[in-house]
Amino acid sequence: MSSELNPIVLRFVEHVGNTTQSFGAGRVIGQIYAYLYFSQSPKNLGDMQQALGISKGSASTGVRQLEQWGAVRKVWVKGDRKDYYQAVDWFGQILKKAIADTVGKKLTSYTSLLTEIETELASVKDDGGDGEFIKSRLKHLREFQTKTKKLWDDPIVQGILK
């Protein structure tokens, strides 16, 4: 991280990065958003790379994800052909889109994983080991996953996230 960042901004950059990482969205995404939010002027990928000590690829990937969530927008800077970005401060809308994106992907991933494991387990001959225990745990997980998916697909929940 650049020592040129204001110490207060640096604290926010670190904290928001830790928060997004803990939610599974990635540390860099939070750092970029906090950096742009506390920047008075638009920043390009090179600015982000230098200030945050990240690769250009990480900066590019992070910005694309933030654009998808509506958290940043591309702006034009007179006399420069580079892409510049500014943070958007519609926190509720950003959070809704981020939750819809990350939770939706996780639910799909876990559904696929459970299906694969159940198929694999069904083809394995039970040798009296822990197969029945594993099957009972998987059944319990599948029940929870089904309830969670039903809740997630509920029109009221989806309406809140739009």
Protein backbone atom coordinates (compact mmCIF):
# COMPACT_ATOMS: atom_id res chain seq x y z
CA MET A 1 0.00 0.00 0.00
CA SER A 2 1.18 3.48 -0.78
CA SER A 3 2.46 5.55 2.11
CA GLU A 4 1.01 8.54 0.25
CA LEU A 5 -2.51 7.60 1.29
CA ASN A 6 -4.01 9.58 4.14
CA PRO A 7 -3.84 7.40 7.30
CA ILE A 8 -7.62 7.64 7.76
CA VAL A 9 -8.23 6.57 4.17
CA LEU A 10 -5.69 3.77 4.60
CA ARG A 11 -7.64 2.47 7.60
CA PHE A 12 -10.83 2.41 5.57
CA VAL A 13 -9.12 0.75 2.61
CA GLU A 14 -7.80 -2.00 4.88
CA HIS A 15 -11.08 -2.44 6.77
CA VAL A 16 -13.31 -2.54 3.70
CA GLY A 17 -10.86 -4.97 2.06
CA ASN A 18 -11.05 -7.26 5.09
CA THR A 19 -14.84 -7.02 5.12
CA THR A 20 -15.29 -7.93 1.45
CA GLN A 21 -12.79 -10.76 1.89
CA SER A 22 -14.74 -12.14 4.86
CA PHE A 23 -17.88 -12.17 2.71
CA GLY A 24 -16.07 -14.08 -0.02
CA ALA A 25 -15.98 -11.25 -2.54
CA GLY A 26 -12.22 -10.69 -2.40
CA ARG A 27 -10.05 -8.25 -0.56
CA VAL A 28 -9.00 -6.20 -3.58
CA ILE A 29 -12.60 -5.39 -4.50
CA GLY A 30 -13.16 -3.71 -1.15
CA GLN A 31 -9.82 -1.93 -1.25
CA ILE A 32 -10.50 -0.51 -4.70
CA TYR A 33 -13.97 0.66 -3.73
CA ALA A 34 -12.74 2.37 -0.54
CA TYR A 35 -9.83 3.97 -2.42
CA LEU A 36 -12.14 5.35 -5.11
CA TYR A 37 -14.75 6.43 -2.58
CA PHE A 38 -12.20 8.58 -0.75
CA SER A 39 -10.61 9.94 -3.95
CA GLN A 40 -11.56 13.48 -4.92
CA SER A 41 -10.78 12.88 -8.58
CA PRO A 42 -11.34 9.90 -10.89
CA LYS A 43 -8.60 7.25 -10.90
CA ASN A 44 -7.32 4.89 -13.56
CA LEU A 45 -6.04 1.33 -13.17
CA GLY A 46 -2.45 2.53 -12.88
CA ASP A 47 -3.39 4.86 -10.02
CA MET A 48 -5.10 1.99 -8.21
CA GLN A 49 -2.19 -0.33 -8.86
CA GLN A 50 0.31 2.13 -7.42
CA ALA A 51 -1.76 3.30 -4.45
CA LEU A 52 -2.91 -0.17 -3.37
CA GLY A 53 0.15 -2.19 -4.32
CA ILE A 54 -1.84 -4.55 -6.54
CA SER A 55 -1.28 -5.91 -10.03
CA LYS A 56 -2.91 -4.33 -13.04
CA GLY A 57 -4.83 -7.57 -13.58
CA SER A 58 -6.21 -7.45 -10.02
CA ALA A 59 -7.18 -3.82 -10.49
CA SER A 60 -8.91 -4.60 -13.78
CA THR A 61 -10.78 -7.61 -12.41
CA GLY A 62 -11.82 -5.73 -9.28
CA VAL A 63 -13.09 -2.74 -11.22
CA ARG A 64 -15.09 -4.97 -13.57
CA GLN A 65 -16.76 -6.66 -10.60
CA LEU A 66 -17.50 -3.30 -8.99
CA GLU A 67 -18.96 -2.03 -12.28
CA GLN A 68 -21.22 -5.09 -12.39
CA TRP A 69 -22.52 -4.25 -8.93
CA GLY A 70 -23.01 -0.58 -9.86
CA ALA A 71 -20.42 0.43 -7.25
CA VAL A 72 -18.17 2.32 -9.67
CA ARG A 73 -18.71 4.05 -12.96
CA LYS A 74 -16.39 4.85 -15.81
CA VAL A 75 -15.84 8.57 -16.39
CA TRP A 76 -14.19 10.55 -19.16
CA VAL A 77 -11.15 12.70 -18.39
CA LYS A 78 -10.42 15.37 -20.97
CA GLY A 79 -7.16 14.85 -22.83
CA ASP A 80 -6.60 11.27 -21.65
CA ARG A 81 -7.54 8.04 -23.39
CA LYS A 82 -7.28 5.85 -20.29
CA ASP A 83 -10.38 4.64 -18.50
CA TYR A 84 -11.04 6.47 -15.23
CA TYR A 85 -13.39 5.44 -12.46
CA GLN A 86 -15.35 7.00 -9.62
CA ALA A 87 -17.15 5.35 -6.72
CA VAL A 88 -20.93 5.42 -6.59
CA ASP A 89 -22.47 5.99 -3.17
CA TRP A 90 -25.81 4.22 -3.54
CA PHE A 91 -24.85 1.81 -0.77
CA GLY A 92 -28.18 0.00 -0.56
CA GLN A 93 -28.24 -0.75 -4.29
CA ILE A 94 -24.58 -1.82 -4.29
CA LEU A 95 -25.15 -4.15 -1.35
CA LYS A 96 -28.24 -5.68 -2.97
CA LYS A 97 -26.38 -6.41 -6.21
CA ALA A 98 -23.33 -7.76 -4.37
CA ILE A 99 -25.47 -10.08 -2.23
CA ALA A 100 -27.48 -11.27 -5.21
CA ASP A 101 -24.28 -12.00 -7.13
CA THR A 102 -22.19 -13.65 -4.41
CA VAL A 103 -24.93 -15.59 -2.60
CA GLY A 104 -26.48 -16.74 -5.87
CA LYS A 105 -23.14 -18.08 -7.09
CA LYS A 106 -22.44 -19.81 -3.78
CA LEU A 107 -25.85 -21.50 -3.73
CA THR A 108 -25.35 -22.78 -7.26
CA SER A 109 -21.87 -24.01 -6.40
CA TYR A 110 -23.03 -25.88 -3.28
CA THR A 111 -25.98 -27.40 -5.13
CA SER A 112 -23.61 -28.77 -7.77
CA LEU A 113 -21.17 -30.04 -5.14
CA LEU A 114 -23.90 -31.88 -3.23
CA THR A 115 -25.20 -33.47 -6.43
CA GLU A 116 -21.72 -34.65 -7.42
CA ILE A 117 -21.00 -36.10 -3.98
CA GLU A 118 -24.39 -37.81 -3.77
CA THR A 119 -23.82 -39.40 -7.19
CA GLU A 120 -20.32 -40.50 -6.23
CA LEU A 121 -21.49 -41.92 -2.91
CA ALA A 122 -24.35 -43.84 -4.58
CA SER A 123 -21.87 -45.67 -6.82
CA VAL A 124 -19.59 -46.69 -3.94
CA LYS A 125 -20.25 -50.02 -2.30
CA ASP A 126 -20.77 -49.54 1.44
CA ASP A 127 -18.16 -51.62 3.22
CA GLY A 128 -19.67 -51.10 6.65
CA GLY A 129 -17.48 -48.08 7.29
CA ASP A 130 -18.72 -44.56 7.69
CA GLY A 131 -20.83 -44.57 4.51
CA GLU A 132 -24.17 -44.51 6.33
CA PHE A 133 -23.01 -41.68 8.58
CA ILE A 134 -21.85 -39.66 5.55
CA LYS A 135 -25.16 -40.36 3.77
CA SER A 136 -27.14 -39.10 6.78
CA ARG A 137 -25.04 -35.93 6.94
CA LEU A 138 -25.45 -35.36 3.21
CA LYS A 139 -29.21 -35.86 3.54
CA HIS A 140 -29.28 -33.22 6.26
CA LEU A 141 -27.21 -30.85 4.09
CA ARG A 142 -29.50 -31.44 1.11
CA GLU A 143 -32.57 -30.63 3.20
CA PHE A 144 -30.95 -27.39 4.36
CA GLN A 145 -29.83 -26.54 0.81
CA THR A 146 -33.36 -27.14 -0.51
CA LYS A 147 -34.90 -24.86 2.13
CA THR A 148 -32.26 -22.19 1.51
CA LYS A 149 -32.78 -22.34 -2.26
CA LYS A 150 -36.55 -22.11 -1.80
CA LEU A 151 -36.10 -19.04 0.41
CA TRP A 152 -33.61 -17.50 -2.05
CA ASP A 153 -35.99 -18.03 -4.98
CA ASP A 154 -38.94 -16.55 -3.11
CA PRO A 155 -40.36 -13.61 -5.09
CA ILE A 156 -40.28 -11.39 -1.99
CA VAL A 157 -36.55 -12.00 -1.42
CA GLN A 158 -35.81 -11.52 -5.11
CA GLY A 159 -37.92 -8.34 -5.11
CA ILE A 160 -35.91 -6.94 -2.20
CA LEU A 161 -32.68 -7.64 -4.07
CA LYS A 162 -33.79 -5.81 -7.23
